[in-house]
Amino acid sequence: MCRFLILYFYISTVLFAENTLLLDVQTRMLPKIMALDSDIKNRSNSSKVTLGVIYDDDRKAFALSVTDKINAYHKGQVGSIKFTAVAIHINELSARRDLSFLYLLEASQASILKAIAHSKEKKIPTFVYNIADLPLGALGSIAIERSTIIYLNKNTLTLGDYHFNDSLYQMVRWVE
């Protein structure tokens, strides 16, 4: 029994550390990818771009901690782009008119599909936390394998008519 508990705590610690590392990498890289979007300023109603961190259910505190981490690390600017990250519940997404880029945290499939449908309608690039959600129609995801990999959904990129700096296309791994 004691060995089982030790093994359980070890696996839990490793999985938690991996999730923390992945989230840290994503919160640092997503604004940089956002800055490579050629049309990002055209989707903004002001001089500041808004990165929406989308959550569902009772994950507001977690979403707020993610936005705090993004805003603290980047200090409101990446490259020449001034931005702010805001936490938005999936049910409030359609009321927002100021969003230029979306990041979907882990959520139910119904919430992810709702957010992706909204992003396609409004032509807002959308990245998902979990790479397994990429086939649902999100534009991209960031994963940690042997190194950090940026995945882009080729079909979503084409159908959504998104345009990024060519340097991004040279770094990504394509998913169809």
N, C-alpha and C. Protein backbone atom coordinates (compact mmCIF):
# COMPACT_ATOMS: atom_id res chain seq x y z
N MET A 1 0.82 -1.19 0.00
CA MET A 1 0.00 0.00 0.00
C MET A 1 0.87 1.25 0.00
N CYS A 2 1.93 1.23 0.79
CA CYS A 2 2.82 2.38 0.88
C CYS A 2 3.49 2.67 -0.46
N ARG A 3 3.91 1.59 -1.15
CA ARG A 3 4.53 1.76 -2.47
C ARG A 3 3.53 2.37 -3.46
N PHE A 4 2.28 1.95 -3.37
CA PHE A 4 1.24 2.49 -4.26
C PHE A 4 1.09 3.99 -4.03
N LEU A 5 1.03 4.42 -2.77
CA LEU A 5 0.88 5.83 -2.47
C LEU A 5 2.08 6.65 -2.96
N ILE A 6 3.27 6.10 -2.77
CA ILE A 6 4.47 6.80 -3.24
C ILE A 6 4.43 6.93 -4.76
N LEU A 7 4.08 5.85 -5.44
CA LEU A 7 3.97 5.88 -6.90
C LEU A 7 2.89 6.86 -7.34
N TYR A 8 1.76 6.87 -6.66
CA TYR A 8 0.67 7.79 -6.99
C TYR A 8 1.12 9.24 -6.86
N PHE A 9 1.77 9.57 -5.76
CA PHE A 9 2.24 10.95 -5.55
C PHE A 9 3.32 11.32 -6.56
N TYR A 10 4.18 10.38 -6.91
CA TYR A 10 5.22 10.66 -7.91
C TYR A 10 4.59 10.95 -9.27
N ILE A 11 3.66 10.12 -9.69
CA ILE A 11 2.99 10.32 -10.99
C ILE A 11 2.20 11.61 -10.99
N SER A 12 1.50 11.89 -9.91
CA SER A 12 0.73 13.14 -9.79
C SER A 12 1.66 14.35 -9.90
N THR A 13 2.80 14.29 -9.24
CA THR A 13 3.75 15.39 -9.27
C THR A 13 4.31 15.59 -10.68
N VAL A 14 4.65 14.50 -11.35
CA VAL A 14 5.19 14.59 -12.72
C VAL A 14 4.14 15.16 -13.66
N LEU A 15 2.90 14.68 -13.57
CA LEU A 15 1.84 15.18 -14.45
C LEU A 15 1.54 16.64 -14.17
N PHE A 16 1.51 17.03 -12.91
CA PHE A 16 1.26 18.43 -12.56
C PHE A 16 2.39 19.31 -13.09
N ALA A 17 3.62 18.87 -12.93
CA ALA A 17 4.77 19.64 -13.41
C ALA A 17 4.72 19.79 -14.92
N GLU A 18 4.34 18.72 -15.63
CA GLU A 18 4.25 18.78 -17.09
C GLU A 18 3.17 19.77 -17.51
N ASN A 19 2.01 19.73 -16.86
CA ASN A 19 0.94 20.66 -17.19
C ASN A 19 1.34 22.10 -16.89
N THR A 20 2.05 22.31 -15.79
CA THR A 20 2.51 23.64 -15.42
C THR A 20 3.52 24.14 -16.45
N LEU A 21 4.42 23.28 -16.87
CA LEU A 21 5.42 23.65 -17.87
C LEU A 21 4.75 23.99 -19.20
N LEU A 22 3.81 23.16 -19.63
CA LEU A 22 3.10 23.41 -20.89
C LEU A 22 2.36 24.74 -20.83
N LEU A 23 1.66 24.99 -19.75
CA LEU A 23 0.93 26.25 -19.60
C LEU A 23 1.89 27.44 -19.60
N ASP A 24 3.02 27.29 -18.94
CA ASP A 24 4.01 28.36 -18.91
C ASP A 24 4.54 28.64 -20.32
N VAL A 25 4.85 27.60 -21.07
CA VAL A 25 5.33 27.77 -22.45
C VAL A 25 4.26 28.44 -23.30
N GLN A 26 3.03 27.99 -23.19
CA GLN A 26 1.95 28.56 -23.99
C GLN A 26 1.71 30.03 -23.66
N THR A 27 1.73 30.38 -22.39
CA THR A 27 1.47 31.77 -22.02
C THR A 27 2.61 32.69 -22.46
N ARG A 28 3.78 32.16 -22.63
CA ARG A 28 4.90 32.97 -23.12
C ARG A 28 4.90 33.06 -24.65
N MET A 29 4.50 31.99 -25.31
CA MET A 29 4.60 31.95 -26.78
C MET A 29 3.38 32.50 -27.51
N LEU A 30 2.19 32.33 -26.95
CA LEU A 30 0.98 32.75 -27.68
C LEU A 30 0.99 34.22 -28.07
N PRO A 31 1.34 35.14 -27.18
CA PRO A 31 1.40 36.54 -27.61
C PRO A 31 2.43 36.78 -28.72
N LYS A 32 3.50 36.02 -28.72
CA LYS A 32 4.50 36.15 -29.79
C LYS A 32 3.94 35.67 -31.11
N ILE A 33 3.18 34.58 -31.08
CA ILE A 33 2.52 34.10 -32.29
C ILE A 33 1.47 35.12 -32.73
N MET A 34 0.74 35.65 -31.78
CA MET A 34 -0.27 36.68 -32.07
C MET A 34 0.38 37.87 -32.79
N ALA A 35 1.57 38.25 -32.38
CA ALA A 35 2.26 39.38 -33.00
C ALA A 35 2.68 39.09 -34.44
N LEU A 36 2.76 37.81 -34.81
CA LEU A 36 3.10 37.44 -36.18
C LEU A 36 1.89 37.45 -37.11
N ASP A 37 0.71 37.68 -36.54
CA ASP A 37 -0.53 37.75 -37.33
C ASP A 37 -0.53 39.07 -38.11
N SER A 38 -0.55 38.98 -39.41
CA SER A 38 -0.49 40.17 -40.27
C SER A 38 -1.72 41.06 -40.15
N ASP A 39 -2.85 40.49 -39.75
CA ASP A 39 -4.11 41.24 -39.68
C ASP A 39 -4.53 41.60 -38.27
N ILE A 40 -3.68 41.39 -37.29
CA ILE A 40 -4.07 41.54 -35.89
C ILE A 40 -4.59 42.94 -35.57
N LYS A 41 -3.95 43.95 -36.07
CA LYS A 41 -4.37 45.32 -35.76
C LYS A 41 -5.69 45.67 -36.45
N ASN A 42 -6.00 45.01 -37.55
CA ASN A 42 -7.27 45.25 -38.24
C ASN A 42 -8.47 44.71 -37.47
N ARG A 43 -8.24 43.73 -36.58
CA ARG A 43 -9.33 43.16 -35.80
C ARG A 43 -9.54 43.90 -34.49
N SER A 44 -8.74 44.90 -34.22
CA SER A 44 -8.85 45.63 -32.96
C SER A 44 -9.60 46.94 -33.16
N ASN A 45 -10.45 47.27 -32.20
CA ASN A 45 -11.20 48.52 -32.24
C ASN A 45 -10.42 49.69 -31.65
N SER A 46 -9.25 49.39 -31.09
CA SER A 46 -8.46 50.45 -30.45
C SER A 46 -6.98 50.23 -30.78
N SER A 47 -6.13 50.99 -30.14
CA SER A 47 -4.70 50.84 -30.37
C SER A 47 -4.13 49.64 -29.61
N LYS A 48 -4.96 49.02 -28.75
CA LYS A 48 -4.53 47.87 -27.97
C LYS A 48 -5.31 46.63 -28.41
N VAL A 49 -4.61 45.55 -28.66
CA VAL A 49 -5.18 44.28 -29.08
C VAL A 49 -5.62 43.50 -27.83
N THR A 50 -6.70 42.74 -27.95
CA THR A 50 -7.19 41.95 -26.82
C THR A 50 -7.07 40.45 -27.11
N LEU A 51 -6.36 39.76 -26.24
CA LEU A 51 -6.22 38.31 -26.29
C LEU A 51 -7.22 37.72 -25.30
N GLY A 52 -8.21 37.01 -25.80
CA GLY A 52 -9.22 36.41 -24.94
C GLY A 52 -8.82 35.02 -24.48
N VAL A 53 -8.81 34.81 -23.18
CA VAL A 53 -8.55 33.49 -22.60
C VAL A 53 -9.91 32.93 -22.23
N ILE A 54 -10.35 31.92 -22.96
CA ILE A 54 -11.72 31.41 -22.85
C ILE A 54 -11.76 30.21 -21.90
N TYR A 55 -12.74 30.24 -21.02
CA TYR A 55 -12.92 29.16 -20.05
C TYR A 55 -14.41 28.80 -19.96
N ASP A 56 -14.69 27.66 -19.37
CA ASP A 56 -16.08 27.28 -19.11
C ASP A 56 -16.22 26.78 -17.68
N ASP A 57 -17.43 26.50 -17.30
CA ASP A 57 -17.76 25.99 -15.97
C ASP A 57 -17.19 26.87 -14.86
N ASP A 58 -16.59 26.26 -13.88
CA ASP A 58 -16.13 27.00 -12.71
C ASP A 58 -14.61 27.21 -12.72
N ARG A 59 -14.06 27.52 -13.87
CA ARG A 59 -12.61 27.67 -14.01
C ARG A 59 -12.18 29.14 -14.10
N LYS A 60 -13.01 30.03 -13.61
CA LYS A 60 -12.71 31.45 -13.71
C LYS A 60 -11.41 31.81 -12.99
N ALA A 61 -11.21 31.30 -11.79
CA ALA A 61 -10.01 31.62 -11.02
C ALA A 61 -8.76 31.18 -11.79
N PHE A 62 -8.83 30.01 -12.40
CA PHE A 62 -7.70 29.52 -13.18
C PHE A 62 -7.47 30.42 -14.40
N ALA A 63 -8.53 30.78 -15.11
CA ALA A 63 -8.40 31.66 -16.28
C ALA A 63 -7.82 33.02 -15.89
N LEU A 64 -8.24 33.54 -14.76
CA LEU A 64 -7.68 34.81 -14.29
C LEU A 64 -6.20 34.69 -13.97
N SER A 65 -5.80 33.55 -13.41
CA SER A 65 -4.37 33.36 -13.13
C SER A 65 -3.57 33.26 -14.43
N VAL A 66 -4.16 32.67 -15.46
CA VAL A 66 -3.49 32.58 -16.76
C VAL A 66 -3.34 33.98 -17.37
N THR A 67 -4.40 34.77 -17.33
CA THR A 67 -4.30 36.13 -17.89
C THR A 67 -3.31 36.98 -17.09
N ASP A 68 -3.30 36.81 -15.77
CA ASP A 68 -2.32 37.53 -14.95
C ASP A 68 -0.89 37.15 -15.35
N LYS A 69 -0.68 35.86 -15.59
CA LYS A 69 0.65 35.38 -15.98
C LYS A 69 1.06 35.97 -17.34
N ILE A 70 0.14 35.97 -18.30
CA ILE A 70 0.43 36.53 -19.63
C ILE A 70 0.73 38.02 -19.51
N ASN A 71 -0.14 38.75 -18.82
CA ASN A 71 0.04 40.20 -18.70
C ASN A 71 1.31 40.58 -17.94
N ALA A 72 1.63 39.82 -16.90
CA ALA A 72 2.83 40.11 -16.11
C ALA A 72 4.10 39.82 -16.91
N TYR A 73 4.11 38.72 -17.63
CA TYR A 73 5.31 38.34 -18.37
C TYR A 73 5.58 39.31 -19.52
N HIS A 74 4.55 39.67 -20.26
CA HIS A 74 4.73 40.49 -21.46
C HIS A 74 4.59 41.99 -21.20
N LYS A 75 4.11 42.36 -20.04
CA LYS A 75 3.97 43.77 -19.64
C LYS A 75 3.22 44.61 -20.68
N GLY A 76 2.16 43.99 -21.26
CA GLY A 76 1.28 44.75 -22.15
C GLY A 76 1.78 44.98 -23.56
N GLN A 77 2.89 44.35 -23.92
CA GLN A 77 3.40 44.57 -25.27
C GLN A 77 4.23 43.38 -25.73
N VAL A 78 4.07 43.03 -27.00
CA VAL A 78 4.92 42.04 -27.64
C VAL A 78 5.28 42.61 -29.01
N GLY A 79 6.56 42.80 -29.24
CA GLY A 79 6.99 43.48 -30.47
C GLY A 79 6.42 44.89 -30.45
N SER A 80 5.80 45.28 -31.55
CA SER A 80 5.20 46.62 -31.63
C SER A 80 3.71 46.60 -31.28
N ILE A 81 3.21 45.45 -30.85
CA ILE A 81 1.79 45.27 -30.55
C ILE A 81 1.53 45.50 -29.06
N LYS A 82 0.68 46.45 -28.74
CA LYS A 82 0.22 46.63 -27.36
C LYS A 82 -1.00 45.73 -27.19
N PHE A 83 -1.04 44.99 -26.10
CA PHE A 83 -2.15 44.07 -25.90
C PHE A 83 -2.44 43.87 -24.43
N THR A 84 -3.60 43.30 -24.20
CA THR A 84 -3.98 42.86 -22.86
C THR A 84 -4.69 41.52 -23.00
N ALA A 85 -4.47 40.65 -22.03
CA ALA A 85 -5.16 39.36 -21.98
C ALA A 85 -6.30 39.47 -20.98
N VAL A 86 -7.47 38.97 -21.36
CA VAL A 86 -8.64 39.00 -20.48
C VAL A 86 -9.29 37.63 -20.44
N ALA A 87 -9.80 37.26 -19.28
CA ALA A 87 -10.51 35.99 -19.11
C ALA A 87 -11.98 36.20 -19.49
N ILE A 88 -12.50 35.27 -20.30
CA ILE A 88 -13.88 35.39 -20.78
C ILE A 88 -14.56 34.04 -20.68
N HIS A 89 -15.71 34.01 -20.02
CA HIS A 89 -16.50 32.78 -19.95
C HIS A 89 -17.07 32.50 -21.34
N ILE A 90 -17.17 31.25 -21.69
CA ILE A 90 -17.65 30.85 -23.02
C ILE A 90 -19.02 31.47 -23.34
N ASN A 91 -19.87 31.64 -22.34
CA ASN A 91 -21.20 32.20 -22.58
C ASN A 91 -21.17 33.71 -22.82
N GLU A 92 -20.07 34.36 -22.51
CA GLU A 92 -19.93 35.81 -22.73
C GLU A 92 -19.17 36.12 -24.02
N LEU A 93 -18.71 35.10 -24.69
CA LEU A 93 -17.86 35.28 -25.87
C LEU A 93 -18.55 36.04 -26.99
N SER A 94 -19.79 35.71 -27.29
CA SER A 94 -20.48 36.34 -28.42
C SER A 94 -20.77 37.83 -28.17
N ALA A 95 -20.78 38.26 -26.93
CA ALA A 95 -21.05 39.67 -26.63
C ALA A 95 -19.81 40.54 -26.79
N ARG A 96 -18.64 39.92 -26.86
CA ARG A 96 -17.39 40.68 -26.96
C ARG A 96 -17.10 41.04 -28.41
N ARG A 97 -16.80 42.30 -28.64
CA ARG A 97 -16.49 42.79 -29.98
C ARG A 97 -15.03 43.23 -30.11
N ASP A 98 -14.28 43.10 -29.02
CA ASP A 98 -12.93 43.64 -28.99
C ASP A 98 -11.83 42.58 -29.08
N LEU A 99 -12.19 41.34 -29.38
CA LEU A 99 -11.22 40.25 -29.35
C LEU A 99 -10.48 40.11 -30.68
N SER A 100 -9.17 39.94 -30.58
CA SER A 100 -8.34 39.81 -31.78
C SER A 100 -7.68 38.45 -31.89
N PHE A 101 -7.61 37.71 -30.77
CA PHE A 101 -6.94 36.41 -30.73
C PHE A 101 -7.54 35.66 -29.55
N LEU A 102 -7.74 34.34 -29.70
CA LEU A 102 -8.33 33.54 -28.62
C LEU A 102 -7.42 32.40 -28.21
N TYR A 103 -7.45 32.11 -26.92
CA TYR A 103 -6.76 30.97 -26.35
C TYR A 103 -7.78 30.20 -25.52
N LEU A 104 -8.07 28.97 -25.92
CA LEU A 104 -9.07 28.16 -25.22
C LEU A 104 -8.39 27.24 -24.22
N LEU A 105 -8.75 27.41 -22.98
CA LEU A 105 -8.25 26.51 -21.94
C LEU A 105 -8.98 25.18 -22.05
N GLU A 106 -8.57 24.23 -21.25
CA GLU A 106 -9.28 22.94 -21.25
C GLU A 106 -10.74 23.19 -20.93
N ALA A 107 -11.62 22.60 -21.74
CA ALA A 107 -13.05 22.83 -21.58
C ALA A 107 -13.80 21.63 -22.16
N SER A 108 -15.10 21.63 -21.98
CA SER A 108 -15.90 20.56 -22.56
C SER A 108 -15.87 20.68 -24.08
N GLN A 109 -16.14 19.59 -24.75
CA GLN A 109 -16.14 19.62 -26.21
C GLN A 109 -17.19 20.58 -26.74
N ALA A 110 -18.34 20.66 -26.09
CA ALA A 110 -19.40 21.58 -26.52
C ALA A 110 -18.91 23.03 -26.44
N SER A 111 -18.19 23.37 -25.37
CA SER A 111 -17.67 24.73 -25.23
C SER A 111 -16.60 25.03 -26.27
N ILE A 112 -15.76 24.06 -26.52
CA ILE A 112 -14.70 24.25 -27.52
C ILE A 112 -15.32 24.45 -28.90
N LEU A 113 -16.30 23.64 -29.24
CA LEU A 113 -16.98 23.79 -30.54
C LEU A 113 -17.69 25.14 -30.66
N LYS A 114 -18.28 25.59 -29.57
CA LYS A 114 -18.95 26.90 -29.56
C LYS A 114 -17.94 28.03 -29.79
N ALA A 115 -16.81 27.96 -29.11
CA ALA A 115 -15.78 28.98 -29.27
C ALA A 115 -15.17 28.96 -30.67
N ILE A 116 -14.95 27.78 -31.20
CA ILE A 116 -14.37 27.66 -32.54
C ILE A 116 -15.35 28.18 -33.59
N ALA A 117 -16.64 27.88 -33.43
CA ALA A 117 -17.64 28.40 -34.37
C ALA A 117 -17.64 29.92 -34.34
N HIS A 118 -17.56 30.49 -33.14
CA HIS A 118 -17.52 31.95 -33.01
C HIS A 118 -16.26 32.51 -33.68
N SER A 119 -15.13 31.87 -33.43
CA SER A 119 -13.87 32.38 -33.98
C SER A 119 -13.86 32.29 -35.51
N LYS A 120 -14.46 31.26 -36.05
CA LYS A 120 -14.53 31.14 -37.51
C LYS A 120 -15.44 32.22 -38.09
N GLU A 121 -16.56 32.45 -37.44
CA GLU A 121 -17.50 33.47 -37.91
C GLU A 121 -16.86 34.86 -37.89
N LYS A 122 -16.13 35.16 -36.84
CA LYS A 122 -15.52 36.48 -36.67
C LYS A 122 -14.09 36.55 -37.23
N LYS A 123 -13.60 35.42 -37.74
CA LYS A 123 -12.23 35.33 -38.29
C LYS A 123 -11.17 35.72 -37.27
N ILE A 124 -11.29 35.11 -36.09
CA ILE A 124 -10.35 35.34 -35.01
C ILE A 124 -9.49 34.08 -34.84
N PRO A 125 -8.17 34.19 -35.00
CA PRO A 125 -7.31 33.02 -34.80
C PRO A 125 -7.48 32.47 -33.39
N THR A 126 -7.56 31.13 -33.29
CA THR A 126 -7.81 30.48 -32.01
C THR A 126 -6.84 29.34 -31.78
N PHE A 127 -6.15 29.41 -30.64
CA PHE A 127 -5.27 28.33 -30.21
C PHE A 127 -5.91 27.63 -29.02
N VAL A 128 -5.67 26.33 -28.93
CA VAL A 128 -6.23 25.53 -27.84
C VAL A 128 -5.10 25.02 -26.94
N TYR A 129 -5.41 24.86 -25.66
CA TYR A 129 -4.45 24.33 -24.70
C TYR A 129 -4.07 22.90 -25.06
N ASN A 130 -5.08 22.10 -25.33
CA ASN A 130 -4.88 20.67 -25.54
C ASN A 130 -4.80 20.37 -27.03
N ILE A 131 -3.70 19.81 -27.48
CA ILE A 131 -3.52 19.51 -28.89
C ILE A 131 -4.57 18.52 -29.40
N ALA A 132 -5.14 17.71 -28.53
CA ALA A 132 -6.18 16.77 -28.94
C ALA A 132 -7.44 17.49 -29.42
N ASP A 133 -7.59 18.77 -29.06
CA ASP A 133 -8.75 19.55 -29.50
C ASP A 133 -8.53 20.22 -30.86
N LEU A 134 -7.35 20.12 -31.40
CA LEU A 134 -7.03 20.76 -32.67
C LEU A 134 -7.91 20.27 -33.83
N PRO A 135 -8.21 18.98 -33.94
CA PRO A 135 -9.08 18.52 -35.04
C PRO A 135 -10.51 19.07 -34.99
N LEU A 136 -10.90 19.70 -33.88
CA LEU A 136 -12.24 20.27 -33.78
C LEU A 136 -12.37 21.56 -34.58
N GLY A 137 -11.24 22.05 -35.12
CA GLY A 137 -11.29 23.22 -35.99
C GLY A 137 -10.53 24.42 -35.49
N ALA A 138 -9.81 24.28 -34.38
CA ALA A 138 -8.98 25.39 -33.91
C ALA A 138 -7.82 25.59 -34.87
N LEU A 139 -7.26 26.77 -34.86
CA LEU A 139 -6.15 27.07 -35.76
C LEU A 139 -4.84 26.43 -35.30
N GLY A 140 -4.58 26.46 -33.99
CA GLY A 140 -3.29 25.93 -33.56
C GLY A 140 -3.23 25.53 -32.12
N SER A 141 -2.09 24.95 -31.78
CA SER A 141 -1.80 24.54 -30.41
C SER A 141 -0.29 24.46 -30.26
N ILE A 142 0.15 24.52 -29.04
CA ILE A 142 1.57 24.40 -28.73
C ILE A 142 1.73 23.19 -27.84
N ALA A 143 2.68 22.32 -28.20
CA ALA A 143 2.91 21.11 -27.43
C ALA A 143 4.39 21.01 -27.07
N ILE A 144 4.66 20.25 -26.04
CA ILE A 144 6.03 19.96 -25.66
C ILE A 144 6.26 18.48 -25.93
N GLU A 145 7.16 18.22 -26.83
CA GLU A 145 7.56 16.85 -27.13
C GLU A 145 9.05 16.76 -26.79
N ARG A 146 9.90 16.47 -27.72
CA ARG A 146 11.34 16.56 -27.45
C ARG A 146 11.76 18.01 -27.36
N SER A 147 10.99 18.84 -28.04
CA SER A 147 11.17 20.29 -27.96
C SER A 147 9.78 20.90 -28.03
N THR A 148 9.71 22.21 -28.02
CA THR A 148 8.42 22.88 -28.12
C THR A 148 8.01 22.90 -29.60
N ILE A 149 6.78 22.45 -29.87
CA ILE A 149 6.28 22.37 -31.24
C ILE A 149 5.02 23.23 -31.36
N ILE A 150 4.97 24.03 -32.40
CA ILE A 150 3.76 24.79 -32.72
C ILE A 150 3.05 24.03 -33.82
N TYR A 151 1.82 23.65 -33.57
CA TYR A 151 1.00 22.95 -34.56
C TYR A 151 0.01 23.93 -35.16
N LEU A 152 -0.15 23.88 -36.48
CA LEU A 152 -1.18 24.66 -37.16
C LEU A 152 -2.05 23.73 -37.97
N ASN A 153 -3.35 23.97 -37.90
CA ASN A 153 -4.33 23.21 -38.66
C ASN A 153 -4.41 23.83 -40.05
N LYS A 154 -3.91 23.11 -41.06
CA LYS A 154 -3.81 23.64 -42.42
C LYS A 154 -5.19 23.99 -42.99
N ASN A 155 -6.18 23.15 -42.73
CA ASN A 155 -7.53 23.40 -43.24
C ASN A 155 -8.14 24.66 -42.63
N THR A 156 -7.98 24.82 -41.34
CA THR A 156 -8.51 26.00 -40.66
C THR A 156 -7.80 27.26 -41.14
N LEU A 157 -6.50 27.18 -41.33
CA LEU A 157 -5.75 28.32 -41.82
C LEU A 157 -6.26 28.76 -43.19
N THR A 158 -6.48 27.80 -44.07
CA THR A 158 -6.94 28.10 -45.43
C THR A 158 -8.37 28.62 -45.44
N LEU A 159 -9.26 27.92 -44.76
CA LEU A 159 -10.68 28.30 -44.75
C LEU A 159 -10.92 29.61 -44.00
N GLY A 160 -10.11 29.87 -42.98
CA GLY A 160 -10.29 31.08 -42.19
C GLY A 160 -9.64 32.29 -42.80
N ASP A 161 -8.85 32.08 -43.84
CA ASP A 161 -8.18 33.17 -44.52
C ASP A 161 -7.33 33.98 -43.54
N TYR A 162 -6.55 33.28 -42.72
CA TYR A 162 -5.64 33.92 -41.77
C TYR A 162 -4.29 34.14 -42.45
N HIS A 163 -3.61 35.19 -42.05
CA HIS A 163 -2.32 35.51 -42.64
C HIS A 163 -1.32 35.84 -41.54
N PHE A 164 -0.22 35.13 -41.55
CA PHE A 164 0.84 35.34 -40.57
C PHE A 164 2.14 35.64 -41.30
N ASN A 165 3.08 36.19 -40.56
CA ASN A 165 4.42 36.41 -41.08
C ASN A 165 4.98 35.06 -41.52
N ASP A 166 5.69 35.03 -42.63
CA ASP A 166 6.23 33.78 -43.17
C ASP A 166 7.13 33.03 -42.20
N SER A 167 7.76 33.73 -41.28
CA SER A 167 8.64 33.06 -40.33
C SER A 167 7.87 32.05 -39.47
N LEU A 168 6.60 32.31 -39.19
CA LEU A 168 5.81 31.34 -38.42
C LEU A 168 5.62 30.05 -39.20
N TYR A 169 5.34 30.16 -40.48
CA TYR A 169 5.10 28.97 -41.30
C TYR A 169 6.33 28.07 -41.40
N GLN A 170 7.50 28.65 -41.24
CA GLN A 170 8.72 27.86 -41.29
C GLN A 170 8.99 27.11 -39.99
N MET A 171 8.31 27.50 -38.91
CA MET A 171 8.53 26.89 -37.60
C MET A 171 7.50 25.82 -37.23
N VAL A 172 6.39 25.75 -37.95
CA VAL A 172 5.27 24.93 -37.49
C VAL A 172 5.30 23.51 -38.02
N ARG A 173 4.56 22.68 -37.36
CA ARG A 173 4.26 21.33 -37.83
C ARG A 173 2.79 21.37 -38.25
N TRP A 174 2.52 20.94 -39.46
CA TRP A 174 1.16 21.04 -40.03
C TRP A 174 0.31 19.84 -39.66
N VAL A 175 -0.96 20.12 -39.42
CA VAL A 175 -1.97 19.08 -39.15
C VAL A 175 -3.10 19.32 -40.15
N GLU A 176 -3.59 18.24 -40.74
CA GLU A 176 -4.70 18.40 -41.70
C GLU A 176 -5.95 17.75 -41.18
